Amino acid sequence: MPTEEELARSKDEAFQLMRRKLKADVYFRVQPLINDCKTFRAVRLRQADWYKSEVERNRTLDGIGGGNFTIALMMMSTLNLLSKVSLLLVDRSRFDSEEDENSDKKTLTAILEDFDKRLEDPALDKEKLDQLRSFRQSIKKRLRSRRRGDCNEQDAFVALIRLLNEQSVVPSLGLTHENAWEVWQRFRNKLAHVAGPTIESQIGVDIINSNVEIDSDEGEGKFYDGPTFVKTHGIYWHCHADRLVEDVEKILLWVVKRIEAETDFETIQETLIWMNQQIGFKPPSVPT
């Protein structure tokens, strides 16, 4: 029978292992994407001969891109992950629990069973039966239970921006918690779901394609030093893709340091379980 001291030591070792794994999972999920984005920038900045020839060759066709759209898509996806990890470290109650999921499933089952009982009513004519069946099918199709680990992604992003501004140690993308929701809705959602944002698709947002001033003599770039997101004409949100990469990398290191500084066993455990759920792995067993 292990002593209390041995159990405590075992639990501490498990905690250290979980914290190291969580740091590694977050870092190595995000950093490779950042590195890919840096490749786009390096190619565009250095203007190698093969790149110039491709630009010239495609000039009369559709042209070739500079990676801005792909960078924005990858980095906003990354910010979605970092926002959720950050929120888990400070307020796990913002995420749906297993109890929430089970409760919703019971409620949905009860609603459908009630419809089934109504459908057995012999007094209903065919038209009423068809309407009731259609309504039941619509409810079954559209209503779904909450799932353990889910949260409102927009709220998580707004919470991240609020925390970044409060701590003032990492760039907050030029946003505040009061306008971050707008960027999420009008920029990120269009980017993720309908191949936006472009002015041509008339969704009211744009990615600025020229993020770097090129010195024609040396072929090197002077990096843009303004805010990552800028709103113009009170309507359009512009994203400076290269600046976004720089900011996301700093936010990543900030989140990793926060994990490293976390001392609460349950917080690390639940965040690691959440991460494992995102990639389909089962969480490691730990002493209780």
C-alpha atoms as a PDB file:
ATOM      1  CA  MET A   1       0.000   0.000   0.000  1.00  0.00           C
ATOM      2  CA  PRO A   2       1.655   3.302  -1.082  1.00  0.00           C
ATOM      3  CA  THR A   3       2.127   5.940   1.579  1.00  0.00           C
ATOM      4  CA  GLU A   4       0.582   9.414   1.339  1.00  0.00           C
ATOM      5  CA  GLU A   5       4.011  10.801   0.504  1.00  0.00           C
ATOM      6  CA  GLU A   6       4.429   8.306  -2.352  1.00  0.00           C
ATOM      7  CA  LEU A   7       0.950   9.116  -3.684  1.00  0.00           C
ATOM      8  CA  ALA A   8       1.683  12.836  -3.543  1.00  0.00           C
ATOM      9  CA  ARG A   9       4.969  12.326  -5.375  1.00  0.00           C
ATOM     10  CA  SER A  10       3.259  10.178  -7.981  1.00  0.00           C
ATOM     11  CA  LYS A  11       0.595  12.801  -8.510  1.00  0.00           C
ATOM     12  CA  ASP A  12       3.213  15.533  -8.842  1.00  0.00           C
ATOM     13  CA  GLU A  13       5.116  13.490 -11.415  1.00  0.00           C
ATOM     14  CA  ALA A  14       1.894  12.960 -13.359  1.00  0.00           C
ATOM     15  CA  PHE A  15       1.204  16.687 -13.200  1.00  0.00           C
ATOM     16  CA  GLN A  16       4.662  17.556 -14.532  1.00  0.00           C
ATOM     17  CA  LEU A  17       4.222  15.015 -17.337  1.00  0.00           C
ATOM     18  CA  MET A  18       0.790  16.375 -18.294  1.00  0.00           C
ATOM     19  CA  ARG A  19       2.009  19.960 -18.282  1.00  0.00           C
ATOM     20  CA  ARG A  20       4.993  19.113 -20.503  1.00  0.00           C
ATOM     21  CA  LYS A  21       2.725  17.213 -22.886  1.00  0.00           C
ATOM     22  CA  LEU A  22       0.217  20.075 -23.032  1.00  0.00           C
ATOM     23  CA  LYS A  23       2.975  22.569 -23.839  1.00  0.00           C
ATOM     24  CA  ALA A  24       4.334  20.299 -26.560  1.00  0.00           C
ATOM     25  CA  ASP A  25       0.885  19.621 -28.046  1.00  0.00           C
ATOM     26  CA  VAL A  26       0.072  23.320 -28.314  1.00  0.00           C
ATOM     27  CA  TYR A  27       3.494  24.396 -29.558  1.00  0.00           C
ATOM     28  CA  PHE A  28       3.971  21.691 -32.180  1.00  0.00           C
ATOM     29  CA  ARG A  29       0.400  22.042 -33.434  1.00  0.00           C
ATOM     30  CA  VAL A  30       0.901  25.752 -34.122  1.00  0.00           C
ATOM     31  CA  GLN A  31       4.573  26.407 -34.906  1.00  0.00           C
ATOM     32  CA  PRO A  32       4.661  24.342 -38.141  1.00  0.00           C
ATOM     33  CA  LEU A  33       1.778  26.428 -39.507  1.00  0.00           C
ATOM     34  CA  ILE A  34       3.633  29.603 -38.621  1.00  0.00           C
ATOM     35  CA  ASN A  35       6.728  28.272 -40.378  1.00  0.00           C
ATOM     36  CA  ASP A  36       4.710  27.546 -43.521  1.00  0.00           C
ATOM     37  CA  CYS A  37       3.460  31.120 -43.515  1.00  0.00           C
ATOM     38  CA  LYS A  38       7.021  32.395 -43.160  1.00  0.00           C
ATOM     39  CA  THR A  39       7.882  30.485 -46.333  1.00  0.00           C
ATOM     40  CA  PHE A  40       5.279  32.453 -48.295  1.00  0.00           C
ATOM     41  CA  ARG A  41       6.747  35.688 -46.995  1.00  0.00           C
ATOM     42  CA  ALA A  42      10.339  34.680 -47.691  1.00  0.00           C
ATOM     43  CA  VAL A  43       9.534  33.768 -51.296  1.00  0.00           C
ATOM     44  CA  ARG A  44       7.645  37.000 -51.855  1.00  0.00           C
ATOM     45  CA  LEU A  45      10.355  39.137 -50.233  1.00  0.00           C
ATOM     46  CA  ARG A  46      13.445  37.642 -51.807  1.00  0.00           C
ATOM     47  CA  GLN A  47      12.021  37.752 -55.326  1.00  0.00           C
ATOM     48  CA  ALA A  48      14.091  34.808 -56.601  1.00  0.00           C
ATOM     49  CA  ASP A  49      14.514  34.491 -60.343  1.00  0.00           C
ATOM     50  CA  TRP A  50      12.137  31.522 -60.567  1.00  0.00           C
ATOM     51  CA  TYR A  51       9.486  33.531 -58.696  1.00  0.00           C
ATOM     52  CA  LYS A  52       9.881  36.515 -61.018  1.00  0.00           C
ATOM     53  CA  SER A  53       9.632  34.268 -64.072  1.00  0.00           C
ATOM     54  CA  GLU A  54       6.445  32.657 -62.712  1.00  0.00           C
ATOM     55  CA  VAL A  55       4.928  36.066 -62.095  1.00  0.00           C
ATOM     56  CA  GLU A  56       5.812  37.148 -65.642  1.00  0.00           C
ATOM     57  CA  ARG A  57       4.636  33.873 -67.188  1.00  0.00           C
ATOM     58  CA  ASN A  58       1.255  34.111 -65.482  1.00  0.00           C
ATOM     59  CA  ARG A  59       0.789  37.821 -65.969  1.00  0.00           C
ATOM     60  CA  THR A  60      -1.638  37.328 -68.853  1.00  0.00           C
ATOM     61  CA  LEU A  61      -3.489  34.519 -67.070  1.00  0.00           C
ATOM     62  CA  ASP A  62      -4.821  34.639 -63.528  1.00  0.00           C
ATOM     63  CA  GLY A  63      -1.455  35.468 -62.033  1.00  0.00           C
ATOM     64  CA  ILE A  64       0.088  33.814 -58.995  1.00  0.00           C
ATOM     65  CA  GLY A  65      -0.580  34.827 -55.413  1.00  0.00           C
ATOM     66  CA  GLY A  66       1.718  35.963 -52.667  1.00  0.00           C
ATOM     67  CA  GLY A  67       0.236  33.709 -49.977  1.00  0.00           C
ATOM     68  CA  ASN A  68      -1.731  36.421 -48.173  1.00  0.00           C
ATOM     69  CA  PHE A  69      -5.061  34.635 -48.354  1.00  0.00           C
ATOM     70  CA  THR A  70      -3.604  31.306 -47.201  1.00  0.00           C
ATOM     71  CA  ILE A  71      -1.657  33.013 -44.418  1.00  0.00           C
ATOM     72  CA  ALA A  72      -4.780  34.702 -43.087  1.00  0.00           C
ATOM     73  CA  LEU A  73      -6.751  31.441 -43.243  1.00  0.00           C
ATOM     74  CA  MET A  74      -4.076  29.448 -41.409  1.00  0.00           C
ATOM     75  CA  MET A  75      -3.391  32.062 -38.772  1.00  0.00           C
ATOM     76  CA  MET A  76      -7.056  32.684 -37.933  1.00  0.00           C
ATOM     77  CA  SER A  77      -7.494  28.928 -37.520  1.00  0.00           C
ATOM     78  CA  THR A  78      -4.483  28.950 -35.215  1.00  0.00           C
ATOM     79  CA  LEU A  79      -5.911  31.835 -33.202  1.00  0.00           C
ATOM     80  CA  ASN A  80      -9.079  29.811 -32.748  1.00  0.00           C
ATOM     81  CA  LEU A  81      -7.053  27.083 -31.026  1.00  0.00           C
ATOM     82  CA  LEU A  82      -4.959  29.489 -28.943  1.00  0.00           C
ATOM     83  CA  SER A  83      -8.079  31.397 -27.875  1.00  0.00           C
ATOM     84  CA  LYS A  84      -9.688  28.230 -26.569  1.00  0.00           C
ATOM     85  CA  VAL A  85      -6.578  27.043 -24.732  1.00  0.00           C
ATOM     86  CA  SER A  86      -6.210  30.478 -23.162  1.00  0.00           C
ATOM     87  CA  LEU A  87      -9.847  30.440 -22.040  1.00  0.00           C
ATOM     88  CA  LEU A  88      -9.530  26.931 -20.591  1.00  0.00           C
ATOM     89  CA  LEU A  89      -6.671  28.142 -18.410  1.00  0.00           C
ATOM     90  CA  VAL A  90      -8.792  30.881 -16.833  1.00  0.00           C
ATOM     91  CA  ASP A  91     -12.438  29.782 -17.034  1.00  0.00           C
ATOM     92  CA  ARG A  92     -13.365  26.186 -17.825  1.00  0.00           C
ATOM     93  CA  SER A  93     -17.016  26.946 -17.038  1.00  0.00           C
ATOM     94  CA  ARG A  94     -17.296  28.611 -20.473  1.00  0.00           C
ATOM     95  CA  PHE A  95     -17.015  25.154 -22.060  1.00  0.00           C
ATOM     96  CA  ASP A  96     -19.820  22.622 -22.289  1.00  0.00           C
ATOM     97  CA  SER A  97     -19.494  19.694 -19.903  1.00  0.00           C
ATOM     98  CA  GLU A  98     -20.417  16.034 -20.148  1.00  0.00           C
ATOM     99  CA  GLU A  99     -23.411  16.825 -17.920  1.00  0.00           C
ATOM    100  CA  ASP A 100     -24.539  19.495 -20.412  1.00  0.00           C
ATOM    101  CA  GLU A 101     -24.316  16.991 -23.251  1.00  0.00           C
ATOM    102  CA  ASN A 102     -26.253  14.277 -21.391  1.00  0.00           C
ATOM    103  CA  SER A 103     -28.923  16.731 -20.260  1.00  0.00           C
ATOM    104  CA  ASP A 104     -29.514  17.958 -23.814  1.00  0.00           C
ATOM    105  CA  LYS A 105     -29.716  14.401 -25.143  1.00  0.00           C
ATOM    106  CA  LYS A 106     -32.370  13.531 -22.555  1.00  0.00           C
ATOM    107  CA  THR A 107     -34.354  16.654 -23.407  1.00  0.00           C
ATOM    108  CA  LEU A 108     -34.206  15.951 -27.141  1.00  0.00           C
ATOM    109  CA  THR A 109     -35.236  12.328 -26.595  1.00  0.00           C
ATOM    110  CA  ALA A 110     -38.207  13.446 -24.491  1.00  0.00           C
ATOM    111  CA  ILE A 111     -39.323  15.918 -27.181  1.00  0.00           C
ATOM    112  CA  LEU A 112     -39.185  13.264 -29.912  1.00  0.00           C
ATOM    113  CA  GLU A 113     -41.020  10.735 -27.746  1.00  0.00           C
ATOM    114  CA  ASP A 114     -43.762  13.303 -27.180  1.00  0.00           C
ATOM    115  CA  PHE A 115     -44.132  13.716 -30.944  1.00  0.00           C
ATOM    116  CA  ASP A 116     -44.303   9.939 -31.352  1.00  0.00           C
ATOM    117  CA  LYS A 117     -47.194   9.765 -28.897  1.00  0.00           C
ATOM    118  CA  ARG A 118     -49.046  12.508 -30.745  1.00  0.00           C
ATOM    119  CA  LEU A 119     -48.565  10.667 -34.044  1.00  0.00           C
ATOM    120  CA  GLU A 120     -50.467   7.698 -32.582  1.00  0.00           C
ATOM    121  CA  ASP A 121     -53.605   9.813 -32.115  1.00  0.00           C
ATOM    122  CA  PRO A 122     -56.317   8.152 -34.288  1.00  0.00           C
ATOM    123  CA  ALA A 123     -58.224  11.447 -34.497  1.00  0.00           C
ATOM    124  CA  LEU A 124     -55.555  13.064 -36.667  1.00  0.00           C
ATOM    125  CA  ASP A 125     -56.264  13.242 -40.376  1.00  0.00           C
ATOM    126  CA  LYS A 126     -53.618  12.636 -43.046  1.00  0.00           C
ATOM    127  CA  GLU A 127     -52.792  16.309 -43.504  1.00  0.00           C
ATOM    128  CA  LYS A 128     -52.218  16.814 -39.769  1.00  0.00           C
ATOM    129  CA  LEU A 129     -50.140  13.635 -39.565  1.00  0.00           C
ATOM    130  CA  ASP A 130     -47.941  14.746 -42.455  1.00  0.00           C
ATOM    131  CA  GLN A 131     -47.434  18.153 -40.853  1.00  0.00           C
ATOM    132  CA  LEU A 132     -46.555  16.586 -37.503  1.00  0.00           C
ATOM    133  CA  ARG A 133     -44.122  14.110 -39.081  1.00  0.00           C
ATOM    134  CA  SER A 134     -42.458  16.916 -41.004  1.00  0.00           C
ATOM    135  CA  PHE A 135     -42.142  19.033 -37.862  1.00  0.00           C
ATOM    136  CA  ARG A 136     -40.670  16.100 -35.917  1.00  0.00           C
ATOM    137  CA  GLN A 137     -38.148  15.416 -38.667  1.00  0.00           C
ATOM    138  CA  SER A 138     -37.137  19.080 -38.750  1.00  0.00           C
ATOM    139  CA  ILE A 139     -36.577  19.135 -34.982  1.00  0.00           C
ATOM    140  CA  LYS A 140     -34.528  15.933 -35.077  1.00  0.00           C
ATOM    141  CA  LYS A 141     -32.409  17.313 -37.899  1.00  0.00           C
ATOM    142  CA  ARG A 142     -31.829  20.822 -36.579  1.00  0.00           C
ATOM    143  CA  LEU A 143     -31.587  20.396 -32.817  1.00  0.00           C
ATOM    144  CA  ARG A 144     -28.420  18.906 -31.449  1.00  0.00           C
ATOM    145  CA  SER A 145     -27.091  18.483 -27.971  1.00  0.00           C
ATOM    146  CA  ARG A 146     -24.161  20.422 -26.686  1.00  0.00           C
ATOM    147  CA  ARG A 147     -20.921  18.457 -26.784  1.00  0.00           C
ATOM    148  CA  ARG A 148     -18.331  18.211 -24.075  1.00  0.00           C
ATOM    149  CA  GLY A 149     -15.509  20.619 -24.805  1.00  0.00           C
ATOM    150  CA  ASP A 150     -17.481  22.927 -27.079  1.00  0.00           C
ATOM    151  CA  CYS A 151     -17.522  26.661 -26.479  1.00  0.00           C
ATOM    152  CA  ASN A 152     -18.539  29.812 -28.307  1.00  0.00           C
ATOM    153  CA  GLU A 153     -15.532  30.465 -30.552  1.00  0.00           C
ATOM    154  CA  GLN A 154     -16.279  34.152 -30.927  1.00  0.00           C
ATOM    155  CA  ASP A 155     -16.468  34.585 -27.153  1.00  0.00           C
ATOM    156  CA  ALA A 156     -13.147  32.770 -26.760  1.00  0.00           C
ATOM    157  CA  PHE A 157     -11.484  35.089 -29.291  1.00  0.00           C
ATOM    158  CA  VAL A 158     -12.915  38.195 -27.593  1.00  0.00           C
ATOM    159  CA  ALA A 159     -11.696  36.884 -24.216  1.00  0.00           C
ATOM    160  CA  LEU A 160      -8.204  36.406 -25.672  1.00  0.00           C
ATOM    161  CA  ILE A 161      -8.078  39.967 -27.008  1.00  0.00           C
ATOM    162  CA  ARG A 162      -9.305  41.319 -23.666  1.00  0.00           C
ATOM    163  CA  LEU A 163      -6.584  39.412 -21.807  1.00  0.00           C
ATOM    164  CA  LEU A 164      -3.870  40.509 -24.244  1.00  0.00           C
ATOM    165  CA  ASN A 165      -4.855  44.148 -23.788  1.00  0.00           C
ATOM    166  CA  GLU A 166      -5.003  43.813 -20.002  1.00  0.00           C
ATOM    167  CA  GLN A 167      -1.519  42.305 -19.786  1.00  0.00           C
ATOM    168  CA  SER A 168       0.032  44.477 -22.502  1.00  0.00           C
ATOM    169  CA  VAL A 169       2.891  42.031 -23.036  1.00  0.00           C
ATOM    170  CA  VAL A 170       1.849  40.582 -26.386  1.00  0.00           C
ATOM    171  CA  PRO A 171       0.355  42.282 -29.472  1.00  0.00           C
ATOM    172  CA  SER A 172      -3.447  42.291 -29.435  1.00  0.00           C
ATOM    173  CA  LEU A 173      -3.716  42.476 -33.247  1.00  0.00           C
ATOM    174  CA  GLY A 174      -4.715  46.132 -33.062  1.00  0.00           C
ATOM    175  CA  LEU A 175      -8.073  45.100 -31.595  1.00  0.00           C
ATOM    176  CA  THR A 176     -10.042  45.642 -28.387  1.00  0.00           C
ATOM    177  CA  HIS A 177     -12.607  43.368 -26.784  1.00  0.00           C
ATOM    178  CA  GLU A 178     -15.235  45.779 -28.109  1.00  0.00           C
ATOM    179  CA  ASN A 179     -14.438  45.233 -31.798  1.00  0.00           C
ATOM    180  CA  ALA A 180     -12.863  41.767 -31.751  1.00  0.00           C
ATOM    181  CA  TRP A 181     -16.277  40.140 -32.244  1.00  0.00           C
ATOM    182  CA  GLU A 182     -16.717  42.118 -35.456  1.00  0.00           C
ATOM    183  CA  VAL A 183     -13.444  40.820 -36.890  1.00  0.00           C
ATOM    184  CA  TRP A 184     -14.479  37.285 -35.955  1.00  0.00           C
ATOM    185  CA  GLN A 185     -17.869  37.577 -37.630  1.00  0.00           C
ATOM    186  CA  ARG A 186     -17.017  39.676 -40.669  1.00  0.00           C
ATOM    187  CA  PHE A 187     -13.478  38.516 -41.344  1.00  0.00           C
ATOM    188  CA  ARG A 188     -12.734  35.118 -39.820  1.00  0.00           C
ATOM    189  CA  ASN A 189     -16.118  33.470 -40.455  1.00  0.00           C
ATOM    190  CA  LYS A 190     -16.192  34.583 -44.088  1.00  0.00           C
ATOM    191  CA  LEU A 191     -12.613  33.412 -44.485  1.00  0.00           C
ATOM    192  CA  ALA A 192     -13.300  29.993 -42.957  1.00  0.00           C
ATOM    193  CA  HIS A 193     -16.670  29.198 -44.511  1.00  0.00           C
ATOM    194  CA  VAL A 194     -17.180  30.969 -47.833  1.00  0.00           C
ATOM    195  CA  ALA A 195     -13.673  31.470 -49.267  1.00  0.00           C
ATOM    196  CA  GLY A 196     -13.704  35.145 -48.270  1.00  0.00           C
ATOM    197  CA  PRO A 197     -12.721  37.736 -47.637  1.00  0.00           C
ATOM    198  CA  THR A 198     -12.456  39.647 -50.894  1.00  0.00           C
ATOM    199  CA  ILE A 199     -14.067  42.826 -52.094  1.00  0.00           C
ATOM    200  CA  GLU A 200     -15.080  40.936 -55.240  1.00  0.00           C
ATOM    201  CA  SER A 201     -17.307  38.598 -53.242  1.00  0.00           C
ATOM    202  CA  GLN A 202     -19.004  41.652 -51.715  1.00  0.00           C
ATOM    203  CA  ILE A 203     -18.701  40.588 -48.110  1.00  0.00           C
ATOM    204  CA  GLY A 204     -17.202  43.836 -46.893  1.00  0.00           C
ATOM    205  CA  VAL A 205     -13.689  42.773 -45.939  1.00  0.00           C
ATOM    206  CA  ASP A 206     -10.338  42.657 -47.650  1.00  0.00           C
ATOM    207  CA  ILE A 207      -6.835  41.329 -47.245  1.00  0.00           C
ATOM    208  CA  ILE A 208      -4.211  43.892 -48.108  1.00  0.00           C
ATOM    209  CA  ASN A 209      -1.930  42.151 -50.581  1.00  0.00           C
ATOM    210  CA  SER A 210       1.052  44.498 -50.363  1.00  0.00           C
ATOM    211  CA  ASN A 211       2.332  44.062 -46.835  1.00  0.00           C
ATOM    212  CA  VAL A 212       5.981  44.798 -47.477  1.00  0.00           C
ATOM    213  CA  GLU A 213       7.820  47.645 -49.130  1.00  0.00           C
ATOM    214  CA  ILE A 214      10.430  46.155 -51.463  1.00  0.00           C
ATOM    215  CA  ASP A 215      13.824  47.745 -51.910  1.00  0.00           C
ATOM    216  CA  SER A 216      14.362  47.172 -55.626  1.00  0.00           C
ATOM    217  CA  ASP A 217      18.150  47.443 -55.339  1.00  0.00           C
ATOM    218  CA  GLU A 218      18.624  44.799 -52.671  1.00  0.00           C
ATOM    219  CA  GLY A 219      15.469  42.738 -53.039  1.00  0.00           C
ATOM    220  CA  GLU A 220      14.888  42.887 -49.290  1.00  0.00           C
ATOM    221  CA  GLY A 221      11.748  44.141 -47.612  1.00  0.00           C
ATOM    222  CA  LYS A 222      11.019  46.776 -45.043  1.00  0.00           C
ATOM    223  CA  PHE A 223       8.503  45.125 -42.745  1.00  0.00           C
ATOM    224  CA  TYR A 224       5.118  46.746 -42.149  1.00  0.00           C
ATOM    225  CA  ASP A 225       4.954  48.053 -38.580  1.00  0.00           C
ATOM    226  CA  GLY A 226       1.311  49.062 -38.196  1.00  0.00           C
ATOM    227  CA  PRO A 227      -1.604  47.251 -36.528  1.00  0.00           C
ATOM    228  CA  THR A 228      -2.557  43.826 -37.839  1.00  0.00           C
ATOM    229  CA  PHE A 229      -6.216  44.681 -38.359  1.00  0.00           C
ATOM    230  CA  VAL A 230      -7.372  48.070 -39.625  1.00  0.00           C
ATOM    231  CA  LYS A 231     -10.944  49.179 -40.262  1.00  0.00           C
ATOM    232  CA  THR A 232     -11.469  51.592 -43.145  1.00  0.00           C
ATOM    233  CA  HIS A 233     -14.505  53.624 -44.104  1.00  0.00           C
ATOM    234  CA  GLY A 234     -16.231  52.229 -41.024  1.00  0.00           C
ATOM    235  CA  ILE A 235     -16.970  49.039 -42.966  1.00  0.00           C
ATOM    236  CA  TYR A 236     -13.984  47.052 -44.238  1.00  0.00           C
ATOM    237  CA  TRP A 237     -11.572  45.132 -42.051  1.00  0.00           C
ATOM    238  CA  HIS A 238      -8.110  44.889 -43.580  1.00  0.00           C
ATOM    239  CA  CYS A 239      -5.682  42.241 -42.363  1.00  0.00           C
ATOM    240  CA  HIS A 240      -1.932  42.643 -42.838  1.00  0.00           C
ATOM    241  CA  ALA A 241      -1.079  38.987 -43.323  1.00  0.00           C
ATOM    242  CA  ASP A 242       2.661  39.176 -42.599  1.00  0.00           C
ATOM    243  CA  ARG A 243       2.078  41.124 -39.395  1.00  0.00           C
ATOM    244  CA  LEU A 244      -0.519  38.516 -38.388  1.00  0.00           C
ATOM    245  CA  VAL A 245       2.140  35.788 -38.568  1.00  0.00           C
ATOM    246  CA  GLU A 246       4.472  37.778 -36.318  1.00  0.00           C
ATOM    247  CA  ASP A 247       1.710  38.422 -33.781  1.00  0.00           C
ATOM    248  CA  VAL A 248       0.447  34.844 -33.701  1.00  0.00           C
ATOM    249  CA  GLU A 249       3.944  33.536 -33.003  1.00  0.00           C
ATOM    250  CA  LYS A 250       4.246  35.887 -30.028  1.00  0.00           C
ATOM    251  CA  ILE A 251       0.794  34.870 -28.789  1.00  0.00           C
ATOM    252  CA  LEU A 252       1.796  31.199 -29.085  1.00  0.00           C
ATOM    253  CA  LEU A 253       4.883  31.701 -26.902  1.00  0.00           C
ATOM    254  CA  TRP A 254       2.770  33.679 -24.418  1.00  0.00           C
ATOM    255  CA  VAL A 255       0.228  30.836 -24.140  1.00  0.00           C
ATOM    256  CA  VAL A 256       3.010  28.272 -23.702  1.00  0.00           C
ATOM    257  CA  LYS A 257       4.509  30.351 -20.878  1.00  0.00           C
ATOM    258  CA  ARG A 258       1.094  30.555 -19.217  1.00  0.00           C
ATOM    259  CA  ILE A 259       0.840  26.749 -19.353  1.00  0.00           C
ATOM    260  CA  GLU A 260       4.314  26.498 -17.861  1.00  0.00           C
ATOM    261  CA  ALA A 261       3.320  28.810 -14.999  1.00  0.00           C
ATOM    262  CA  GLU A 262       0.032  27.010 -14.247  1.00  0.00           C
ATOM    263  CA  THR A 263       0.134  25.111 -10.945  1.00  0.00           C
ATOM    264  CA  ASP A 264      -3.431  23.823 -10.677  1.00  0.00           C
ATOM    265  CA  PHE A 265      -3.634  20.075 -11.325  1.00  0.00           C
ATOM    266  CA  GLU A 266      -7.255  20.062 -12.522  1.00  0.00           C
ATOM    267  CA  THR A 267      -6.754  22.983 -14.910  1.00  0.00           C
ATOM    268  CA  ILE A 268      -3.845  21.278 -16.664  1.00  0.00           C
ATOM    269  CA  GLN A 269      -5.625  17.923 -16.672  1.00  0.00           C
ATOM    270  CA  GLU A 270      -8.866  19.273 -18.149  1.00  0.00           C
ATOM    271  CA  THR A 271      -7.025  21.352 -20.759  1.00  0.00           C
ATOM    272  CA  LEU A 272      -4.984  18.323 -21.812  1.00  0.00           C
ATOM    273  CA  ILE A 273      -8.131  16.195 -22.010  1.00  0.00           C
ATOM    274  CA  TRP A 274      -9.670  18.871 -24.218  1.00  0.00           C
ATOM    275  CA  MET A 275      -6.598  18.923 -26.474  1.00  0.00           C
ATOM    276  CA  ASN A 276      -6.676  15.125 -26.753  1.00  0.00           C
ATOM    277  CA  GLN A 277     -10.341  15.274 -27.733  1.00  0.00           C
ATOM    278  CA  GLN A 278      -9.511  17.677 -30.557  1.00  0.00           C
ATOM    279  CA  ILE A 279      -7.070  15.199 -32.110  1.00  0.00           C
ATOM    280  CA  GLY A 280      -8.996  12.049 -31.226  1.00  0.00           C
ATOM    281  CA  PHE A 281      -6.679  10.672 -28.551  1.00  0.00           C
ATOM    282  CA  LYS A 282      -7.701   9.339 -25.170  1.00  0.00           C
ATOM    283  CA  PRO A 283      -6.316  11.256 -22.179  1.00  0.00           C
ATOM    284  CA  PRO A 284      -3.594   9.605 -20.088  1.00  0.00           C
ATOM    285  CA  SER A 285      -4.636   8.008 -16.833  1.00  0.00           C
ATOM    286  CA  VAL A 286      -3.491   9.885 -13.749  1.00  0.00           C
ATOM    287  CA  PRO A 287      -3.532   9.151 -10.026  1.00  0.00           C
ATOM    288  CA  THR A 288      -6.579  10.344  -8.100  1.00  0.00           C
END
